[in-house]
Protein backbone atom coordinates (compact mmCIF):
# COMPACT_ATOMS: atom_id res chain seq x y z
CA UNK A 1 5.53 21.67 42.35
CA UNK A 2 8.08 21.76 39.09
CA UNK A 3 6.07 19.58 37.04
CA UNK A 4 2.87 22.22 37.31
CA UNK A 5 4.72 24.76 37.15
CA UNK A 6 6.34 23.89 33.29
CA UNK A 7 2.77 22.61 32.30
CA UNK A 8 1.52 26.09 33.51
CA UNK A 9 3.87 27.92 31.79
CA UNK A 10 3.56 25.86 28.32
CA UNK A 11 -0.53 26.37 28.56
CA UNK A 12 0.38 30.38 28.63
CA UNK A 13 2.64 29.94 25.32
CA UNK A 14 0.12 27.65 23.54
CA UNK A 15 -1.49 30.28 21.49
CA UNK A 16 1.48 31.05 19.78
CA UNK A 17 2.12 27.39 18.96
CA UNK A 18 -1.50 26.52 18.04
CA UNK A 19 -0.86 29.40 15.52
CA UNK A 20 2.37 27.69 14.08
CA UNK A 21 0.78 24.26 14.26
CA UNK A 22 -2.16 25.44 12.34
CA UNK A 23 0.49 27.54 9.82
CA UNK A 24 1.93 24.27 8.91
CA UNK A 25 -1.52 22.21 8.68
CA UNK A 26 -2.56 24.83 6.04
CA UNK A 27 0.76 24.38 3.81
CA UNK A 28 1.63 20.69 4.37
CA UNK A 29 4.21 18.95 2.24
CA UNK A 30 4.81 14.85 1.27
CA UNK A 31 8.01 12.89 1.88
CA UNK A 32 11.09 14.50 1.31
CA UNK A 33 9.09 17.60 -0.33
CA UNK A 34 9.06 19.43 3.16
CA UNK A 35 10.75 22.14 2.32
CA UNK A 36 9.02 24.91 3.99
CA UNK A 37 8.34 22.97 7.25
CA UNK A 38 11.98 22.75 7.43
CA UNK A 39 13.23 25.92 7.05
CA UNK A 40 10.59 26.96 9.77
CA UNK A 41 12.25 24.45 12.36
CA UNK A 42 15.47 25.55 11.65
CA UNK A 43 14.79 29.13 11.52
CA UNK A 44 13.27 28.56 14.87
CA UNK A 45 15.87 26.51 16.56
CA UNK A 46 18.46 28.68 15.51
CA UNK A 47 17.06 31.99 16.99
CA UNK A 48 16.50 29.98 20.21
CA UNK A 49 20.28 29.50 20.32
CA UNK A 50 20.29 25.94 19.03
CA UNK A 51 23.31 24.79 16.51
CA UNK A 52 21.59 23.32 13.67
CA UNK A 53 22.44 20.70 11.34
CA UNK A 54 20.05 20.87 7.92
CA UNK A 55 20.47 18.02 5.64
CA UNK A 56 19.93 14.81 7.10
CA UNK A 57 17.74 12.77 4.79
CA UNK A 58 17.19 15.28 2.43
CA UNK A 59 14.97 17.72 4.89
CA UNK A 60 15.77 16.26 7.87
CA UNK A 61 16.80 18.99 11.03
CA UNK A 62 18.42 18.30 13.99
CA UNK A 63 18.76 21.07 16.88
CA UNK A 64 21.33 20.60 19.65
CA UNK A 65 21.86 22.41 22.45
CA UNK A 66 24.62 21.76 25.05
CA UNK A 67 25.01 22.80 28.54
CA UNK A 68 26.90 22.10 31.50
CA UNK A 69 29.86 19.10 31.93
CA UNK A 70 27.07 16.39 31.73
CA UNK A 71 28.24 14.02 29.40
CA UNK A 72 24.24 12.39 29.09
CA UNK A 73 23.09 12.51 25.25
CA UNK A 74 19.29 12.24 24.31
CA UNK A 75 17.30 12.22 21.34
CA UNK A 76 13.59 13.12 20.73
CA UNK A 77 12.29 13.01 17.71
CA UNK A 78 9.10 14.39 15.71
CA UNK A 79 8.00 13.54 12.24
CA UNK A 80 7.23 16.63 9.63
CA UNK A 81 5.54 14.85 6.38
CA UNK A 82 2.19 14.93 5.11
CA UNK A 83 -0.06 12.41 3.31
CA UNK A 84 -1.32 12.31 -0.27
CA UNK A 85 -5.54 12.86 0.75
CA UNK A 86 -7.58 15.37 0.23
CA UNK A 87 -8.84 17.39 3.30
CA UNK A 88 -12.34 17.67 3.69
CA UNK A 89 -12.25 19.72 6.70
CA UNK A 90 -13.56 23.53 6.15
CA UNK A 91 -12.10 25.38 9.14
CA UNK A 92 -9.40 28.31 8.01
CA UNK A 93 -6.42 26.32 8.73
CA UNK A 94 -7.31 23.66 5.96
CA UNK A 95 -4.66 22.86 3.53
CA UNK A 96 -4.36 25.15 0.69
CA UNK A 97 -2.41 22.37 -1.55
CA UNK A 98 -4.64 20.24 -3.15
CA UNK A 99 -4.89 16.33 -2.27
CA UNK A 100 -2.37 16.99 0.23
CA UNK A 101 -3.15 16.86 4.27
CA UNK A 102 -1.66 16.74 7.62
CA UNK A 103 -3.74 13.68 8.62
CA UNK A 104 -1.66 12.21 11.04
CA UNK A 105 -1.18 14.74 13.35
CA UNK A 106 2.85 15.42 12.17
CA UNK A 107 1.89 18.99 12.30
CA UNK A 108 1.30 18.82 15.95
CA UNK A 109 4.31 16.68 16.96
CA UNK A 110 6.39 19.61 15.24
CA UNK A 111 4.98 22.19 17.04
CA UNK A 112 5.00 20.16 20.30
CA UNK A 113 8.76 19.51 20.28
CA UNK A 114 9.10 23.36 18.99
CA UNK A 115 7.40 24.67 22.19
CA UNK A 116 9.58 22.42 24.45
CA UNK A 117 12.47 23.11 22.36
CA UNK A 118 12.03 26.88 23.27
CA UNK A 119 11.24 26.45 26.76
CA UNK A 120 14.14 24.40 27.03
CA UNK A 121 15.94 27.05 25.83
CA UNK A 122 15.25 29.96 27.90
CA UNK A 123 14.29 27.60 31.21
CA UNK A 124 15.56 23.98 30.63
CA UNK A 125 17.88 23.25 33.72
CA UNK A 126 19.77 20.45 32.62
CA UNK A 127 23.50 19.56 31.82
CA UNK A 128 24.51 17.15 29.08
CA UNK A 129 23.50 17.44 25.36
CA UNK A 130 20.29 17.73 23.85
CA UNK A 131 19.44 16.37 20.30
CA UNK A 132 16.19 17.29 18.75
CA UNK A 133 15.46 15.26 15.82
CA UNK A 134 13.01 16.61 13.47
CA UNK A 135 12.50 13.80 10.98
CA UNK A 136 11.08 13.55 6.85
CA UNK A 137 8.94 11.04 5.16
CA UNK A 138 7.75 8.86 8.39
CA UNK A 139 4.89 7.95 6.09
CA UNK A 140 6.08 4.60 4.26
CA UNK A 141 9.32 6.22 2.82
CA UNK A 142 12.05 5.46 5.53
CA UNK A 143 13.01 8.68 6.66
CA UNK A 144 14.68 7.80 9.98
CA UNK A 145 16.79 5.05 7.51
CA UNK A 146 17.42 8.08 5.13
CA UNK A 147 18.82 10.22 7.93
CA UNK A 148 20.42 7.40 9.81
CA UNK A 149 22.27 6.63 6.68
CA UNK A 150 23.48 10.29 6.29
CA UNK A 151 24.87 9.80 9.55
CA UNK A 152 22.48 10.56 12.15
CA UNK A 153 23.55 8.62 15.15
CA UNK A 154 27.31 8.90 14.28
CA UNK A 155 26.89 12.52 14.01
CA UNK A 156 24.68 13.37 16.64
CA UNK A 157 24.99 10.20 19.08
CA UNK A 158 22.40 9.60 21.78
CA UNK A 159 22.04 7.31 24.75
CA UNK A 160 18.19 7.08 24.43
CA UNK A 161 15.77 8.59 22.15
CA UNK A 162 12.22 9.01 22.19
CA UNK A 163 9.08 10.18 20.32
CA UNK A 164 5.35 10.49 20.65
CA UNK A 165 2.50 10.19 18.51
CA UNK A 166 -1.51 11.33 18.97
CA UNK A 167 -4.17 8.48 19.09
CA UNK A 168 -7.47 9.26 18.27
CA UNK A 169 -9.95 7.26 20.34
CA UNK A 170 -7.87 7.96 23.46
CA UNK A 171 -9.13 10.48 25.79
CA UNK A 172 -7.70 13.86 24.98
CA UNK A 173 -4.02 14.28 26.70
CA UNK A 174 -3.77 10.60 28.09
CA UNK A 175 -0.55 9.33 27.92
CA UNK A 176 0.13 5.61 26.96
CA UNK A 177 3.09 3.93 27.75
CA UNK A 178 4.22 -0.05 26.64
CA UNK A 179 7.17 -2.22 26.85
CA UNK A 180 8.12 -4.19 24.28
CA UNK A 181 6.42 -4.62 20.76
CA UNK A 182 4.37 -1.94 20.31
CA UNK A 183 3.56 -1.40 16.94
CA UNK A 184 3.79 -4.41 13.94
CA UNK A 185 6.22 -4.57 11.15
CA UNK A 186 5.05 -3.99 7.71
CA UNK A 187 5.84 -5.98 4.70
CA UNK A 188 4.13 -5.96 1.32
CA UNK A 189 3.61 -8.00 -1.84
CA UNK A 190 2.72 -7.70 -5.87
CA UNK A 191 1.53 -10.89 -7.04
CA UNK A 192 1.26 -11.55 -10.67
CA UNK A 193 -0.03 -14.63 -11.71
CA UNK A 194 0.20 -15.59 -15.60
CA UNK A 195 -2.39 -18.26 -16.91
CA UNK A 196 -3.19 -18.75 -20.59
CA UNK A 197 -6.52 -16.33 -21.76
CA UNK A 198 -9.48 -17.50 -23.28
CA UNK A 199 -13.30 -17.59 -24.07
CA UNK A 200 -15.12 -17.75 -20.98
CA UNK A 201 -17.79 -20.09 -22.64
CA UNK A 202 -14.72 -22.72 -22.91
CA UNK A 203 -12.45 -22.60 -19.78
CA UNK A 204 -10.89 -25.53 -20.22
CA UNK A 205 -8.95 -24.34 -23.40
CA UNK A 206 -7.47 -21.54 -21.20
CA UNK A 207 -5.29 -21.62 -17.56
CA UNK A 208 -7.57 -19.12 -15.50
CA UNK A 209 -5.79 -16.81 -13.57
CA UNK A 210 -8.84 -15.25 -11.83
CA UNK A 211 -9.72 -19.02 -10.27
CA UNK A 212 -6.02 -19.02 -9.25
CA UNK A 213 -6.38 -15.49 -7.58
CA UNK A 214 -9.33 -16.28 -5.87
CA UNK A 215 -7.76 -19.45 -4.33
CA UNK A 216 -5.04 -17.88 -3.01
CA UNK A 217 -6.87 -15.05 -1.42
CA UNK A 218 -8.75 -17.58 0.61
CA UNK A 219 -5.67 -19.72 1.51
CA UNK A 220 -3.83 -17.08 2.79
CA UNK A 221 -5.68 -16.98 5.86
CA UNK A 222 -4.84 -20.22 6.39
CA UNK A 223 -1.30 -18.86 7.10
CA UNK A 224 -2.43 -17.02 10.20
CA UNK A 225 -5.24 -19.23 11.28
CA UNK A 226 -2.82 -22.49 10.99
CA UNK A 227 0.97 -21.41 10.99
CA UNK A 228 1.05 -18.47 13.57
CA UNK A 229 0.66 -19.10 17.22
CA UNK A 230 -2.46 -18.29 18.11
CA UNK A 231 -1.39 -16.20 21.11
CA UNK A 232 0.78 -13.89 18.39
CA UNK A 233 -0.52 -10.97 15.98
CA UNK A 234 -0.36 -11.50 12.45
CA UNK A 235 -2.23 -10.10 9.86
CA UNK A 236 -2.61 -10.59 5.57
CA UNK A 237 -4.98 -8.34 4.11
CA UNK A 238 -4.75 -8.64 0.36
CA UNK A 239 -6.26 -4.97 -0.92
CA UNK A 240 -6.62 -5.13 -4.52
CA UNK A 241 -7.56 -7.97 -6.84
CA UNK A 242 -7.30 -6.92 -10.52
CA UNK A 243 -7.62 -9.04 -13.42
CA UNK A 244 -9.79 -8.69 -16.81
CA UNK A 245 -12.07 -6.52 -18.11
CA UNK A 246 -15.17 -8.57 -19.67
CA UNK A 247 -17.97 -11.49 -18.65
CA UNK A 248 -16.83 -13.70 -21.29
CA UNK A 249 -13.00 -13.50 -21.27
CA UNK A 250 -10.80 -15.48 -19.30
CA UNK A 251 -7.59 -13.23 -18.86
CA UNK A 252 -4.14 -13.89 -19.33
CA UNK A 253 -2.87 -12.41 -16.08
CA UNK A 254 -4.25 -11.42 -12.79
CA UNK A 255 -2.73 -9.00 -10.16
CA UNK A 256 -3.08 -8.80 -6.16
CA UNK A 257 -1.63 -6.49 -3.75
CA UNK A 258 -0.78 -7.68 -0.30
CA UNK A 259 -0.15 -6.06 3.20
CA UNK A 260 1.49 -8.12 5.98
CA UNK A 261 1.60 -7.31 9.62
CA UNK A 262 3.65 -8.86 13.09
CA UNK A 263 4.38 -7.89 15.78
CA UNK A 264 7.21 -10.43 16.42
CA UNK A 265 10.65 -10.75 14.13
CA UNK A 266 10.24 -14.52 14.39
CA UNK A 267 6.52 -14.16 12.96
CA UNK A 268 7.42 -11.74 10.43
CA UNK A 269 9.90 -14.18 8.59
CA UNK A 270 7.27 -17.40 9.20
CA UNK A 271 4.79 -14.95 7.59
CA UNK A 272 7.32 -14.17 4.04
CA UNK A 273 8.35 -17.72 3.70
CA UNK A 274 4.61 -19.47 4.24
CA UNK A 275 3.35 -16.42 1.66
CA UNK A 276 5.64 -17.33 -0.24
CA UNK A 277 5.52 -20.89 -0.75
CA UNK A 278 1.54 -20.89 -0.26
CA UNK A 279 0.97 -18.90 -3.58
CA UNK A 280 3.65 -20.48 -5.84
CA UNK A 281 1.60 -23.52 -4.72
CA UNK A 282 -1.82 -22.35 -5.46
CA UNK A 283 -0.68 -21.44 -8.38
CA UNK A 284 0.85 -24.35 -10.06
CA UNK A 285 -1.84 -26.55 -8.70
CA UNK A 286 -4.42 -24.43 -11.13
CA UNK A 287 -2.00 -24.23 -14.14
CA UNK A 288 -0.68 -20.70 -13.38
CA UNK A 289 2.16 -19.72 -12.57
CA UNK A 290 3.26 -16.72 -10.07
CA UNK A 291 5.90 -13.97 -9.89
CA UNK A 292 6.22 -12.44 -6.43
CA UNK A 293 7.88 -9.15 -5.72
CA UNK A 294 8.39 -9.21 -1.89
CA UNK A 295 8.86 -5.72 -0.56
CA UNK A 296 10.27 -5.29 3.16
CA UNK A 297 8.42 -2.24 4.94
CA UNK A 298 8.95 -1.29 8.41
CA UNK A 299 10.89 -3.32 11.47
CA UNK A 300 8.76 -4.29 14.49
CA UNK A 301 8.69 -1.18 16.86
CA UNK A 302 10.44 -2.66 20.20
CA UNK A 303 10.45 -0.04 23.05
CA UNK A 304 13.04 -0.99 25.77
CA UNK A 305 12.54 -1.65 28.86
CA UNK A 306 14.73 0.89 31.24
CA UNK A 307 13.86 3.44 29.08
CA UNK A 308 10.30 2.64 28.94
CA UNK A 309 10.29 2.40 32.67
CA UNK A 310 12.00 6.18 32.70
CA UNK A 311 9.38 7.44 30.39
CA UNK A 312 6.45 6.51 32.00
CA UNK A 313 7.90 7.71 35.27
CA UNK A 314 7.63 10.97 33.88
CA UNK A 315 4.27 11.07 32.75
CA UNK A 316 3.38 10.15 36.33
CA UNK A 317 5.06 12.71 37.65
CA UNK A 318 3.22 15.30 35.19
CA UNK A 319 -0.20 13.59 34.95
CA UNK A 320 -0.58 11.39 37.88
CA UNK A 321 -1.52 8.11 37.65
CA UNK A 322 -5.12 8.81 36.87
CA UNK A 323 -4.37 10.50 33.23
CA UNK A 324 -1.33 7.40 32.47
CA UNK A 325 -1.98 4.28 31.05
CA UNK A 326 1.61 2.29 32.17
CA UNK A 327 0.96 -0.95 29.68
CA UNK A 328 -1.24 -0.21 26.61
CA UNK A 329 -1.89 -2.85 23.72
CA UNK A 330 -0.16 -3.37 21.20
CA UNK A 331 -0.85 -1.31 17.66
CA UNK A 332 -0.57 -3.05 14.13
CA UNK A 333 -0.28 0.06 12.61
CA UNK A 334 3.71 0.66 11.50
CA UNK A 335 6.42 3.46 11.92
CA UNK A 336 9.40 3.88 11.12
CA UNK A 337 10.92 5.01 13.97
CA UNK A 338 11.33 1.17 15.00
CA UNK A 339 14.56 1.70 12.84
CA UNK A 340 16.03 4.33 15.47
CA UNK A 341 15.21 1.73 17.93
CA UNK A 342 17.14 -0.88 16.52
CA UNK A 343 20.25 1.49 16.90
CA UNK A 344 19.67 3.21 20.27
CA UNK A 345 17.27 2.27 23.37
CA UNK A 346 14.62 3.86 23.55
CA UNK A 347 10.82 4.47 23.71
CA UNK A 348 7.80 5.22 21.80
CA UNK A 349 4.65 6.88 23.58
CA UNK A 350 1.12 7.99 22.65
CA UNK A 351 -0.85 11.00 23.54
CA UNK A 352 -4.84 10.79 23.51
CA UNK A 353 -6.17 12.76 20.88
CA UNK A 354 -9.87 12.73 21.42
CA UNK A 355 -12.89 10.03 22.34
CA UNK A 356 -15.63 11.64 20.85
CA UNK A 357 -19.07 9.28 20.25
CA UNK A 358 -18.81 9.93 16.55
CA UNK A 359 -16.96 7.62 14.21
CA UNK A 360 -16.18 7.68 10.92
CA UNK A 361 -16.71 10.51 8.88
CA UNK A 362 -18.90 12.40 11.31
CA UNK A 363 -16.38 11.86 14.00
CA UNK A 364 -15.15 15.66 15.45
CA UNK A 365 -11.94 16.16 13.51
CA UNK A 366 -10.01 15.30 16.52
CA UNK A 367 -11.51 12.02 17.00
CA UNK A 368 -11.04 11.18 13.52
CA UNK A 369 -8.76 8.23 12.89
CA UNK A 370 -5.60 9.04 11.76
CA UNK A 371 -5.44 9.05 7.67
CA UNK A 372 -9.18 10.20 7.50
CA UNK A 373 -9.86 13.27 5.41
CA UNK A 374 -11.74 14.76 8.59
CA UNK A 375 -9.07 14.49 10.87
CA UNK A 376 -7.38 17.17 12.72
CA UNK A 377 -4.89 17.11 15.59
CA UNK A 378 -5.96 18.46 18.70
CA UNK A 379 -4.36 21.75 19.59
CA UNK A 380 -5.19 21.19 23.73
CA UNK A 381 -2.10 18.50 23.21
CA UNK A 382 0.06 21.10 22.74
CA UNK A 383 0.71 22.07 26.25
CA UNK A 384 0.71 18.72 27.47
CA UNK A 385 3.30 17.35 24.81
CA UNK A 386 5.15 19.71 25.00
CA UNK A 387 5.82 19.97 29.10
CA UNK A 388 6.38 16.60 28.29
CA UNK A 389 9.11 16.78 26.60
CA UNK A 390 10.88 19.44 28.78
CA UNK A 391 9.84 17.07 31.65
CA UNK A 392 11.70 13.85 30.05
CA UNK A 393 14.49 16.29 29.35
CA UNK A 394 15.42 17.50 32.14
CA UNK A 395 14.93 14.35 34.17
CA UNK A 396 17.27 12.42 31.89
CA UNK A 397 19.66 15.39 31.86
CA UNK A 398 19.40 15.69 35.42
CA UNK A 399 21.80 18.48 36.54
CA UNK A 400 22.98 17.06 40.42
CA UNK A 401 22.70 20.89 41.53
CA UNK A 402 19.47 21.57 40.41
CA UNK A 403 17.50 18.02 40.89
CA UNK A 404 14.66 18.24 43.03
CA UNK A 405 12.99 15.32 44.64
CA UNK A 406 10.74 14.56 42.26
CA UNK A 407 13.47 12.97 39.91
CA UNK A 408 13.22 9.22 38.92
CA UNK A 409 16.15 7.08 38.63
CA UNK A 410 17.75 7.70 35.33
CA UNK A 411 17.44 4.33 32.93
């Protein structure tokens, strides 16, 4: 069968792309600074016959391959940036840059798509336009928005766009799909409480912002429990509370750092309104004032029905029902591919990175959760991920003259 032949061919090619992935891992680059990685991607794509567009979103790269007379246009996206984390691993391909590491697997995402790119250039059977999108700055900096602002979909229009992320805790190579809201929005607030400082022995002569901050931390949890439908997901986390330096001094100010997540756009709006109102009211009730710096982050990632059904069918063809989760649970993490899905229909899927029994700092590197200094991408996924992209591209851009009986209906 064609799916098995593709997977076997990419397994044969895997050692080359394992070496490539490990080279990228050893030389991580932060968002908008992916100059080496971007150049490597562009050089490979150009050597394989792609038309290469560099500089979208700063360091973004798009490789375009057009064949036949087909009019459909497909986008597949991989992210390239690393994280400001000091790597704890000691293997040979550990980061050579202090304080920077590929702790989320973007090195693997890039290598998977490059492996697929070469196979499609040399063996791909399709008719239409293939756009391979290598994006910078996914980790909180909105590289997707920057690429779109620079004309990504104006210059490289797509009828659908797809992306994949590895996920520790799921069996290696298992594919997980989800129609609808799949990842949460993320918003952030810095709250500065202004009171009146004073002596700790005479609190009646002060207006204590620490008490106001403590009251706000507790009251914020009622936003989720009393303002949000219990059947919806919402998360409000106070990650930092900073105030004062001495035990006998009431400080004049306090600062809170808050993150807010939701899986529904209406819930997201409700959270913002209620959090702002509650903070202001709590501060005023205790004689303080609140300055709220609200920073919108990523939007809710929503996978469109037809494209998800198509992506799921490709996964079933490639691996069979035993290695596919057809409708997985949503995640409260965030992802800026969500912005691309607001412009173009598509779907975001997961590939299991490994489900080792150990957890936390003692887990095998492939089973460590992402953003952990002991994490590493599972190289056994390179062939499976690349084969999936090849199959999806050939199906989406199917040429009727070469279409075999495995083809699912187009979305």
